[in-house]
Amino acid sequence: MKAQADDWAFVTADDRLRKNKPERAALRSSGLHGFVFAKGFAKTLMHQRASLLLWRWPDMQQIMLDAPGPALHELPLNKNSKLSALPF
């Protein structure tokens, strides 16, 4: 079975993605969902980063099922906060 764009996503802590025009254009043309960690993520301990990613995994999957890509979302550091869509 061939992988579809809906089957793939990327996670990054590099917020510059939203400001770099060529990278935004590449994201749009890829059809992928992107998830960007909120500011302050780099200061978070590694085991807390991993925990946050696992905690948010079901939310990320639901977003990918509900909305077609391409899309960019922010993963907040607070586990009780909602993921927010980012303009790109």
PDB file of N, CA and C in Angstrom:
ATOM      1  N   MET A   1       0.847  -1.179   0.000  1.00  0.00           N
ATOM      2  CA  MET A   1       0.000   0.000   0.000  1.00  0.00           C
ATOM      3  C   MET A   1       0.891   1.239   0.000  1.00  0.00           C
ATOM      4  N   LYS A   2       0.579   2.193  -0.842  1.00  0.00           N
ATOM      5  CA  LYS A   2       1.364   3.412  -0.954  1.00  0.00           C
ATOM      6  C   LYS A   2       0.960   4.412   0.130  1.00  0.00           C
ATOM      7  N   ALA A   3       1.963   5.030   0.732  1.00  0.00           N
ATOM      8  CA  ALA A   3       1.692   6.035   1.775  1.00  0.00           C
ATOM      9  C   ALA A   3       1.118   7.296   1.143  1.00  0.00           C
ATOM     10  N   GLN A   4       0.144   7.876   1.792  1.00  0.00           N
ATOM     11  CA  GLN A   4      -0.478   9.114   1.360  1.00  0.00           C
ATOM     12  C   GLN A   4       0.033  10.255   2.228  1.00  0.00           C
ATOM     13  N   ALA A   5      -0.125  11.486   1.758  1.00  0.00           N
ATOM     14  CA  ALA A   5       0.298  12.652   2.536  1.00  0.00           C
ATOM     15  C   ALA A   5      -0.441  12.701   3.869  1.00  0.00           C
ATOM     16  N   ASP A   6      -1.686  12.200   3.907  1.00  0.00           N
ATOM     17  CA  ASP A   6      -2.466  12.212   5.145  1.00  0.00           C
ATOM     18  C   ASP A   6      -1.889  11.267   6.202  1.00  0.00           C
ATOM     19  N   ASP A   7      -1.032  10.338   5.776  1.00  0.00           N
ATOM     20  CA  ASP A   7      -0.443   9.376   6.688  1.00  0.00           C
ATOM     21  C   ASP A   7       0.797   9.926   7.388  1.00  0.00           C
ATOM     22  N   TRP A   8       1.259  11.077   6.976  1.00  0.00           N
ATOM     23  CA  TRP A   8       2.520  11.607   7.458  1.00  0.00           C
ATOM     24  C   TRP A   8       2.341  12.983   8.098  1.00  0.00           C
ATOM     25  N   ALA A   9       3.199  13.252   9.068  1.00  0.00           N
ATOM     26  CA  ALA A   9       3.234  14.560   9.714  1.00  0.00           C
ATOM     27  C   ALA A   9       4.667  14.792  10.179  1.00  0.00           C
ATOM     28  N   PHE A  10       4.960  16.015  10.530  1.00  0.00           N
ATOM     29  CA  PHE A  10       6.270  16.291  11.112  1.00  0.00           C
ATOM     30  C   PHE A  10       6.083  17.106  12.382  1.00  0.00           C
ATOM     31  N   VAL A  11       7.039  16.956  13.281  1.00  0.00           N
ATOM     32  CA  VAL A  11       7.046  17.669  14.558  1.00  0.00           C
ATOM     33  C   VAL A  11       8.381  18.398  14.630  1.00  0.00           C
ATOM     34  N   THR A  12       8.325  19.674  15.007  1.00  0.00           N
ATOM     35  CA  THR A  12       9.547  20.464  15.083  1.00  0.00           C
ATOM     36  C   THR A  12       9.460  21.466  16.231  1.00  0.00           C
ATOM     37  N   ALA A  13      10.606  21.884  16.687  1.00  0.00           N
ATOM     38  CA  ALA A  13      10.678  22.967  17.667  1.00  0.00           C
ATOM     39  C   ALA A  13      11.167  24.242  16.988  1.00  0.00           C
ATOM     40  N   ASP A  14      11.367  24.183  15.685  1.00  0.00           N
ATOM     41  CA  ASP A  14      11.880  25.317  14.917  1.00  0.00           C
ATOM     42  C   ASP A  14      10.730  26.216  14.465  1.00  0.00           C
ATOM     43  N   ASP A  15      10.488  27.258  15.234  1.00  0.00           N
ATOM     44  CA  ASP A  15       9.389  28.186  14.951  1.00  0.00           C
ATOM     45  C   ASP A  15       9.665  29.052  13.725  1.00  0.00           C
ATOM     46  N   ARG A  16      10.902  29.077  13.254  1.00  0.00           N
ATOM     47  CA  ARG A  16      11.229  29.888  12.076  1.00  0.00           C
ATOM     48  C   ARG A  16      10.494  29.405  10.836  1.00  0.00           C
ATOM     49  N   LEU A  17       9.965  28.204  10.890  1.00  0.00           N
ATOM     50  CA  LEU A  17       9.217  27.646   9.765  1.00  0.00           C
ATOM     51  C   LEU A  17       8.101  28.580   9.318  1.00  0.00           C
ATOM     52  N   ARG A  18       7.467  29.229  10.277  1.00  0.00           N
ATOM     53  CA  ARG A  18       6.345  30.119   9.941  1.00  0.00           C
ATOM     54  C   ARG A  18       6.803  31.388   9.252  1.00  0.00           C
ATOM     55  N   LYS A  19       8.041  31.788   9.408  1.00  0.00           N
ATOM     56  CA  LYS A  19       8.528  33.050   8.873  1.00  0.00           C
ATOM     57  C   LYS A  19       9.322  32.899   7.578  1.00  0.00           C
ATOM     58  N   ASN A  20       9.744  31.695   7.274  1.00  0.00           N
ATOM     59  CA  ASN A  20      10.572  31.453   6.103  1.00  0.00           C
ATOM     60  C   ASN A  20       9.680  31.100   4.910  1.00  0.00           C
ATOM     61  N   LYS A  21       9.600  32.009   3.936  1.00  0.00           N
ATOM     62  CA  LYS A  21       8.675  31.826   2.803  1.00  0.00           C
ATOM     63  C   LYS A  21       8.928  30.549   2.013  1.00  0.00           C
ATOM     64  N   PRO A  22      10.179  30.207   1.667  1.00  0.00           N
ATOM     65  CA  PRO A  22      10.389  28.955   0.926  1.00  0.00           C
ATOM     66  C   PRO A  22       9.964  27.711   1.715  1.00  0.00           C
ATOM     67  N   GLU A  23      10.192  27.707   3.020  1.00  0.00           N
ATOM     68  CA  GLU A  23       9.780  26.560   3.828  1.00  0.00           C
ATOM     69  C   GLU A  23       8.258  26.464   3.912  1.00  0.00           C
ATOM     70  N   ARG A  24       7.585  27.598   4.031  1.00  0.00           N
ATOM     71  CA  ARG A  24       6.120  27.590   4.049  1.00  0.00           C
ATOM     72  C   ARG A  24       5.575  27.074   2.717  1.00  0.00           C
ATOM     73  N   ALA A  25       6.192  27.504   1.627  1.00  0.00           N
ATOM     74  CA  ALA A  25       5.753  27.036   0.308  1.00  0.00           C
ATOM     75  C   ALA A  25       5.960  25.527   0.174  1.00  0.00           C
ATOM     76  N   ALA A  26       7.069  25.029   0.682  1.00  0.00           N
ATOM     77  CA  ALA A  26       7.330  23.586   0.638  1.00  0.00           C
ATOM     78  C   ALA A  26       6.309  22.829   1.475  1.00  0.00           C
ATOM     79  N   LEU A  27       5.951  23.373   2.625  1.00  0.00           N
ATOM     80  CA  LEU A  27       4.939  22.733   3.477  1.00  0.00           C
ATOM     81  C   LEU A  27       3.600  22.679   2.756  1.00  0.00           C
ATOM     82  N   ARG A  28       3.208  23.785   2.155  1.00  0.00           N
ATOM     83  CA  ARG A  28       1.925  23.813   1.435  1.00  0.00           C
ATOM     84  C   ARG A  28       1.901  22.778   0.307  1.00  0.00           C
ATOM     85  N   SER A  29       2.982  22.696  -0.446  1.00  0.00           N
ATOM     86  CA  SER A  29       3.004  21.779  -1.583  1.00  0.00           C
ATOM     87  C   SER A  29       3.112  20.323  -1.153  1.00  0.00           C
ATOM     88  N   SER A  30       3.605  20.073   0.064  1.00  0.00           N
ATOM     89  CA  SER A  30       3.753  18.697   0.539  1.00  0.00           C
ATOM     90  C   SER A  30       2.421  18.080   0.954  1.00  0.00           C
ATOM     91  N   GLY A  31       1.494  18.925   1.411  1.00  0.00           N
ATOM     92  CA  GLY A  31       0.217  18.418   1.898  1.00  0.00           C
ATOM     93  C   GLY A  31       0.290  17.845   3.302  1.00  0.00           C
ATOM     94  N   LEU A  32       1.411  18.031   3.985  1.00  0.00           N
ATOM     95  CA  LEU A  32       1.615  17.448   5.306  1.00  0.00           C
ATOM     96  C   LEU A  32       1.008  18.291   6.421  1.00  0.00           C
ATOM     97  N   HIS A  33       0.781  17.645   7.536  1.00  0.00           N
ATOM     98  CA  HIS A  33       0.442  18.322   8.778  1.00  0.00           C
ATOM     99  C   HIS A  33       1.743  18.566   9.512  1.00  0.00           C
ATOM    100  N   GLY A  34       1.908  19.767  10.050  1.00  0.00           N
ATOM    101  CA  GLY A  34       3.083  20.089  10.837  1.00  0.00           C
ATOM    102  C   GLY A  34       2.674  20.486  12.240  1.00  0.00           C
ATOM    103  N   PHE A  35       3.474  20.092  13.197  1.00  0.00           N
ATOM    104  CA  PHE A  35       3.236  20.426  14.591  1.00  0.00           C
ATOM    105  C   PHE A  35       4.490  21.095  15.133  1.00  0.00           C
ATOM    106  N   VAL A  36       4.327  22.327  15.623  1.00  0.00           N
ATOM    107  CA  VAL A  36       5.440  23.121  16.134  1.00  0.00           C
ATOM    108  C   VAL A  36       5.278  23.247  17.643  1.00  0.00           C
ATOM    109  N   PHE A  37       6.330  22.898  18.380  1.00  0.00           N
ATOM    110  CA  PHE A  37       6.281  23.072  19.829  1.00  0.00           C
ATOM    111  C   PHE A  37       6.282  24.556  20.170  1.00  0.00           C
ATOM    112  N   ALA A  38       5.573  24.900  21.220  1.00  0.00           N
ATOM    113  CA  ALA A  38       5.466  26.286  21.667  1.00  0.00           C
ATOM    114  C   ALA A  38       6.824  26.788  22.166  1.00  0.00           C
ATOM    115  N   LYS A  39       6.930  28.114  22.225  1.00  0.00           N
ATOM    116  CA  LYS A  39       8.147  28.720  22.754  1.00  0.00           C
ATOM    117  C   LYS A  39       8.396  28.198  24.168  1.00  0.00           C
ATOM    118  N   GLY A  40       9.632  28.056  24.522  1.00  0.00           N
ATOM    119  CA  GLY A  40       9.985  27.529  25.826  1.00  0.00           C
ATOM    120  C   GLY A  40      10.241  26.035  25.808  1.00  0.00           C
ATOM    121  N   PHE A  41       9.920  25.397  24.709  1.00  0.00           N
ATOM    122  CA  PHE A  41      10.118  23.955  24.593  1.00  0.00           C
ATOM    123  C   PHE A  41      11.592  23.589  24.721  1.00  0.00           C
ATOM    124  N   ALA A  42      12.481  24.375  24.161  1.00  0.00           N
ATOM    125  CA  ALA A  42      13.912  24.073  24.197  1.00  0.00           C
ATOM    126  C   ALA A  42      14.459  24.086  25.626  1.00  0.00           C
ATOM    127  N   LYS A  43      13.788  24.797  26.508  1.00  0.00           N
ATOM    128  CA  LYS A  43      14.240  24.877  27.904  1.00  0.00           C
ATOM    129  C   LYS A  43      13.669  23.740  28.752  1.00  0.00           C
ATOM    130  N   THR A  44      12.820  22.926  28.168  1.00  0.00           N
ATOM    131  CA  THR A  44      12.169  21.837  28.880  1.00  0.00           C
ATOM    132  C   THR A  44      13.081  20.610  28.885  1.00  0.00           C
ATOM    133  N   LEU A  45      13.088  19.891  29.975  1.00  0.00           N
ATOM    134  CA  LEU A  45      13.907  18.681  30.082  1.00  0.00           C
ATOM    135  C   LEU A  45      13.460  17.631  29.065  1.00  0.00           C
ATOM    136  N   MET A  46      14.412  16.830  28.604  1.00  0.00           N
ATOM    137  CA  MET A  46      14.151  15.851  27.539  1.00  0.00           C
ATOM    138  C   MET A  46      13.011  14.892  27.900  1.00  0.00           C
ATOM    139  N   HIS A  47      12.979  14.379  29.109  1.00  0.00           N
ATOM    140  CA  HIS A  47      11.917  13.426  29.456  1.00  0.00           C
ATOM    141  C   HIS A  47      10.553  14.121  29.488  1.00  0.00           C
ATOM    142  N   GLN A  48      10.524  15.412  29.796  1.00  0.00           N
ATOM    143  CA  GLN A  48       9.258  16.141  29.766  1.00  0.00           C
ATOM    144  C   GLN A  48       8.824  16.400  28.328  1.00  0.00           C
ATOM    145  N   ARG A  49       9.777  16.617  27.443  1.00  0.00           N
ATOM    146  CA  ARG A  49       9.455  16.768  26.006  1.00  0.00           C
ATOM    147  C   ARG A  49       8.815  15.495  25.472  1.00  0.00           C
ATOM    148  N   ALA A  50       9.444  14.362  25.788  1.00  0.00           N
ATOM    149  CA  ALA A  50       8.913  13.073  25.325  1.00  0.00           C
ATOM    150  C   ALA A  50       7.518  12.827  25.891  1.00  0.00           C
ATOM    151  N   SER A  51       7.346  13.146  27.161  1.00  0.00           N
ATOM    152  CA  SER A  51       6.039  12.974  27.803  1.00  0.00           C
ATOM    153  C   SER A  51       4.976  13.828  27.117  1.00  0.00           C
ATOM    154  N   LEU A  52       5.317  15.063  26.822  1.00  0.00           N
ATOM    155  CA  LEU A  52       4.369  15.964  26.170  1.00  0.00           C
ATOM    156  C   LEU A  52       3.975  15.443  24.790  1.00  0.00           C
ATOM    157  N   LEU A  53       4.945  14.965  24.047  1.00  0.00           N
ATOM    158  CA  LEU A  53       4.655  14.448  22.714  1.00  0.00           C
ATOM    159  C   LEU A  53       3.729  13.232  22.805  1.00  0.00           C
ATOM    160  N   LEU A  54       3.987  12.325  23.721  1.00  0.00           N
ATOM    161  CA  LEU A  54       3.121  11.155  23.879  1.00  0.00           C
ATOM    162  C   LEU A  54       1.734  11.545  24.381  1.00  0.00           C
ATOM    163  N   TRP A  55       1.679  12.520  25.277  1.00  0.00           N
ATOM    164  CA  TRP A  55       0.392  12.996  25.812  1.00  0.00           C
ATOM    165  C   TRP A  55      -0.471  13.573  24.691  1.00  0.00           C
ATOM    166  N   ARG A  56       0.170  14.279  23.773  1.00  0.00           N
ATOM    167  CA  ARG A  56      -0.552  14.963  22.689  1.00  0.00           C
ATOM    168  C   ARG A  56      -0.807  14.096  21.466  1.00  0.00           C
ATOM    169  N   TRP A  57      -0.222  12.907  21.418  1.00  0.00           N
ATOM    170  CA  TRP A  57      -0.328  12.071  20.219  1.00  0.00           C
ATOM    171  C   TRP A  57      -1.779  11.841  19.785  1.00  0.00           C
ATOM    172  N   PRO A  58      -2.707  11.467  20.672  1.00  0.00           N
ATOM    173  CA  PRO A  58      -4.104  11.286  20.239  1.00  0.00           C
ATOM    174  C   PRO A  58      -4.714  12.570  19.667  1.00  0.00           C
ATOM    175  N   ASP A  59      -4.380  13.714  20.255  1.00  0.00           N
ATOM    176  CA  ASP A  59      -4.887  14.994  19.726  1.00  0.00           C
ATOM    177  C   ASP A  59      -4.355  15.244  18.320  1.00  0.00           C
ATOM    178  N   MET A  60      -3.099  14.931  18.120  1.00  0.00           N
ATOM    179  CA  MET A  60      -2.476  15.134  16.808  1.00  0.00           C
ATOM    180  C   MET A  60      -3.131  14.227  15.768  1.00  0.00           C
ATOM    181  N   GLN A  61      -3.367  12.977  16.136  1.00  0.00           N
ATOM    182  CA  GLN A  61      -4.020  12.053  15.213  1.00  0.00           C
ATOM    183  C   GLN A  61      -5.431  12.528  14.861  1.00  0.00           C
ATOM    184  N   GLN A  62      -6.156  13.029  15.847  1.00  0.00           N
ATOM    185  CA  GLN A  62      -7.518  13.496  15.598  1.00  0.00           C
ATOM    186  C   GLN A  62      -7.519  14.695  14.651  1.00  0.00           C
ATOM    187  N   ILE A  63      -6.584  15.606  14.847  1.00  0.00           N
ATOM    188  CA  ILE A  63      -6.484  16.764  13.947  1.00  0.00           C
ATOM    189  C   ILE A  63      -6.221  16.306  12.526  1.00  0.00           C
ATOM    190  N   MET A  64      -5.351  15.324  12.372  1.00  0.00           N
ATOM    191  CA  MET A  64      -5.024  14.835  11.032  1.00  0.00           C
ATOM    192  C   MET A  64      -6.222  14.153  10.379  1.00  0.00           C
ATOM    193  N   LEU A  65      -7.066  13.521  11.185  1.00  0.00           N
ATOM    194  CA  LEU A  65      -8.257  12.881  10.635  1.00  0.00           C
ATOM    195  C   LEU A  65      -9.342  13.894  10.287  1.00  0.00           C
ATOM    196  N   ASP A  66      -9.460  14.938  11.098  1.00  0.00           N
ATOM    197  CA  ASP A  66     -10.543  15.909  10.940  1.00  0.00           C
ATOM    198  C   ASP A  66     -10.301  16.923   9.825  1.00  0.00           C
ATOM    199  N   ALA A  67      -9.061  17.322   9.646  1.00  0.00           N
ATOM    200  CA  ALA A  67      -8.769  18.395   8.689  1.00  0.00           C
ATOM    201  C   ALA A  67      -7.738  17.924   7.672  1.00  0.00           C
ATOM    202  N   PRO A  68      -7.979  18.202   6.413  1.00  0.00           N
ATOM    203  CA  PRO A  68      -6.988  17.815   5.410  1.00  0.00           C
ATOM    204  C   PRO A  68      -5.741  18.685   5.517  1.00  0.00           C
ATOM    205  N   GLY A  69      -4.626  18.120   5.143  1.00  0.00           N
ATOM    206  CA  GLY A  69      -3.373  18.889   5.102  1.00  0.00           C
ATOM    207  C   GLY A  69      -3.340  19.700   3.829  1.00  0.00           C
ATOM    208  N   PRO A  70      -2.498  20.635   3.697  1.00  0.00           N
ATOM    209  CA  PRO A  70      -1.464  20.985   4.655  1.00  0.00           C
ATOM    210  C   PRO A  70      -2.024  21.852   5.779  1.00  0.00           C
ATOM    211  N   ALA A  71      -1.429  21.708   6.937  1.00  0.00           N
ATOM    212  CA  ALA A  71      -1.829  22.504   8.090  1.00  0.00           C
ATOM    213  C   ALA A  71      -0.655  22.584   9.053  1.00  0.00           C
ATOM    214  N   LEU A  72      -0.655  23.630   9.858  1.00  0.00           N
ATOM    215  CA  LEU A  72       0.394  23.823  10.845  1.00  0.00           C
ATOM    216  C   LEU A  72      -0.288  24.122  12.173  1.00  0.00           C
ATOM    217  N   HIS A  73       0.140  23.423  13.220  1.00  0.00           N
ATOM    218  CA  HIS A  73      -0.459  23.564  14.546  1.00  0.00           C
ATOM    219  C   HIS A  73       0.631  23.745  15.590  1.00  0.00           C
ATOM    220  N   GLU A  74       0.278  24.439  16.674  1.00  0.00           N
ATOM    221  CA  GLU A  74       1.212  24.627  17.770  1.00  0.00           C
ATOM    222  C   GLU A  74       0.874  23.664  18.903  1.00  0.00           C
ATOM    223  N   LEU A  75       1.905  22.988  19.412  1.00  0.00           N
ATOM    224  CA  LEU A  75       1.752  22.101  20.554  1.00  0.00           C
ATOM    225  C   LEU A  75       2.119  22.885  21.807  1.00  0.00           C
ATOM    226  N   PRO A  76       1.135  23.217  22.640  1.00  0.00           N
ATOM    227  CA  PRO A  76       1.438  23.999  23.839  1.00  0.00           C
ATOM    228  C   PRO A  76       2.175  23.164  24.882  1.00  0.00           C
ATOM    229  N   LEU A  77       2.915  23.817  25.742  1.00  0.00           N
ATOM    230  CA  LEU A  77       3.637  23.123  26.805  1.00  0.00           C
ATOM    231  C   LEU A  77       2.707  22.654  27.910  1.00  0.00           C
ATOM    232  N   ASN A  78       1.600  23.342  28.089  1.00  0.00           N
ATOM    233  CA  ASN A  78       0.630  22.970  29.115  1.00  0.00           C
ATOM    234  C   ASN A  78      -0.249  21.837  28.586  1.00  0.00           C
ATOM    235  N   LYS A  79      -0.288  20.736  29.294  1.00  0.00           N
ATOM    236  CA  LYS A  79      -1.065  19.574  28.840  1.00  0.00           C
ATOM    237  C   LYS A  79      -2.555  19.838  28.792  1.00  0.00           C
ATOM    238  N   ASN A  80      -3.023  20.838  29.510  1.00  0.00           N
ATOM    239  CA  ASN A  80      -4.454  21.139  29.531  1.00  0.00           C
ATOM    240  C   ASN A  80      -4.879  22.139  28.461  1.00  0.00           C
ATOM    241  N   SER A  81      -3.926  22.739  27.782  1.00  0.00           N
ATOM    242  CA  SER A  81      -4.250  23.711  26.727  1.00  0.00           C
ATOM    243  C   SER A  81      -4.538  22.974  25.424  1.00  0.00           C
ATOM    244  N   LYS A  82      -5.343  23.597  24.594  1.00  0.00           N
ATOM    245  CA  LYS A  82      -5.674  23.013  23.303  1.00  0.00           C
ATOM    246  C   LYS A  82      -4.614  23.325  22.267  1.00  0.00           C
ATOM    247  N   LEU A  83      -4.473  22.451  21.296  1.00  0.00           N
ATOM    248  CA  LEU A  83      -3.598  22.713  20.165  1.00  0.00           C
ATOM    249  C   LEU A  83      -4.244  23.824  19.343  1.00  0.00           C
ATOM    250  N   SER A  84      -3.439  24.705  18.829  1.00  0.00           N
ATOM    251  CA  SER A  84      -3.995  25.797  18.040  1.00  0.00           C
ATOM    252  C   SER A  84      -3.449  25.764  16.625  1.00  0.00           C
ATOM    253  N   ALA A  85      -4.311  26.102  15.684  1.00  0.00           N
ATOM    254  CA  ALA A  85      -3.900  26.193  14.283  1.00  0.00           C
ATOM    255  C   ALA A  85      -3.064  27.454  14.093  1.00  0.00           C
ATOM    256  N   LEU A  86      -2.008  27.336  13.322  1.00  0.00           N
ATOM    257  CA  LEU A  86      -1.138  28.471  13.030  1.00  0.00           C
ATOM    258  C   LEU A  86      -1.315  28.890  11.582  1.00  0.00           C
ATOM    259  N   PRO A  87      -1.323  30.177  11.335  1.00  0.00           N
ATOM    260  CA  PRO A  87      -1.383  30.620   9.940  1.00  0.00           C
ATOM    261  C   PRO A  87      -0.046  30.354   9.264  1.00  0.00           C
ATOM    262  N   PHE A  88      -0.119  29.990   8.022  1.00  0.00           N
ATOM    263  CA  PHE A  88       1.113  29.829   7.254  1.00  0.00           C
ATOM    264  C   PHE A  88       0.811  30.134   5.837  1.00  0.00           C
TER     265      PHE A  88
END
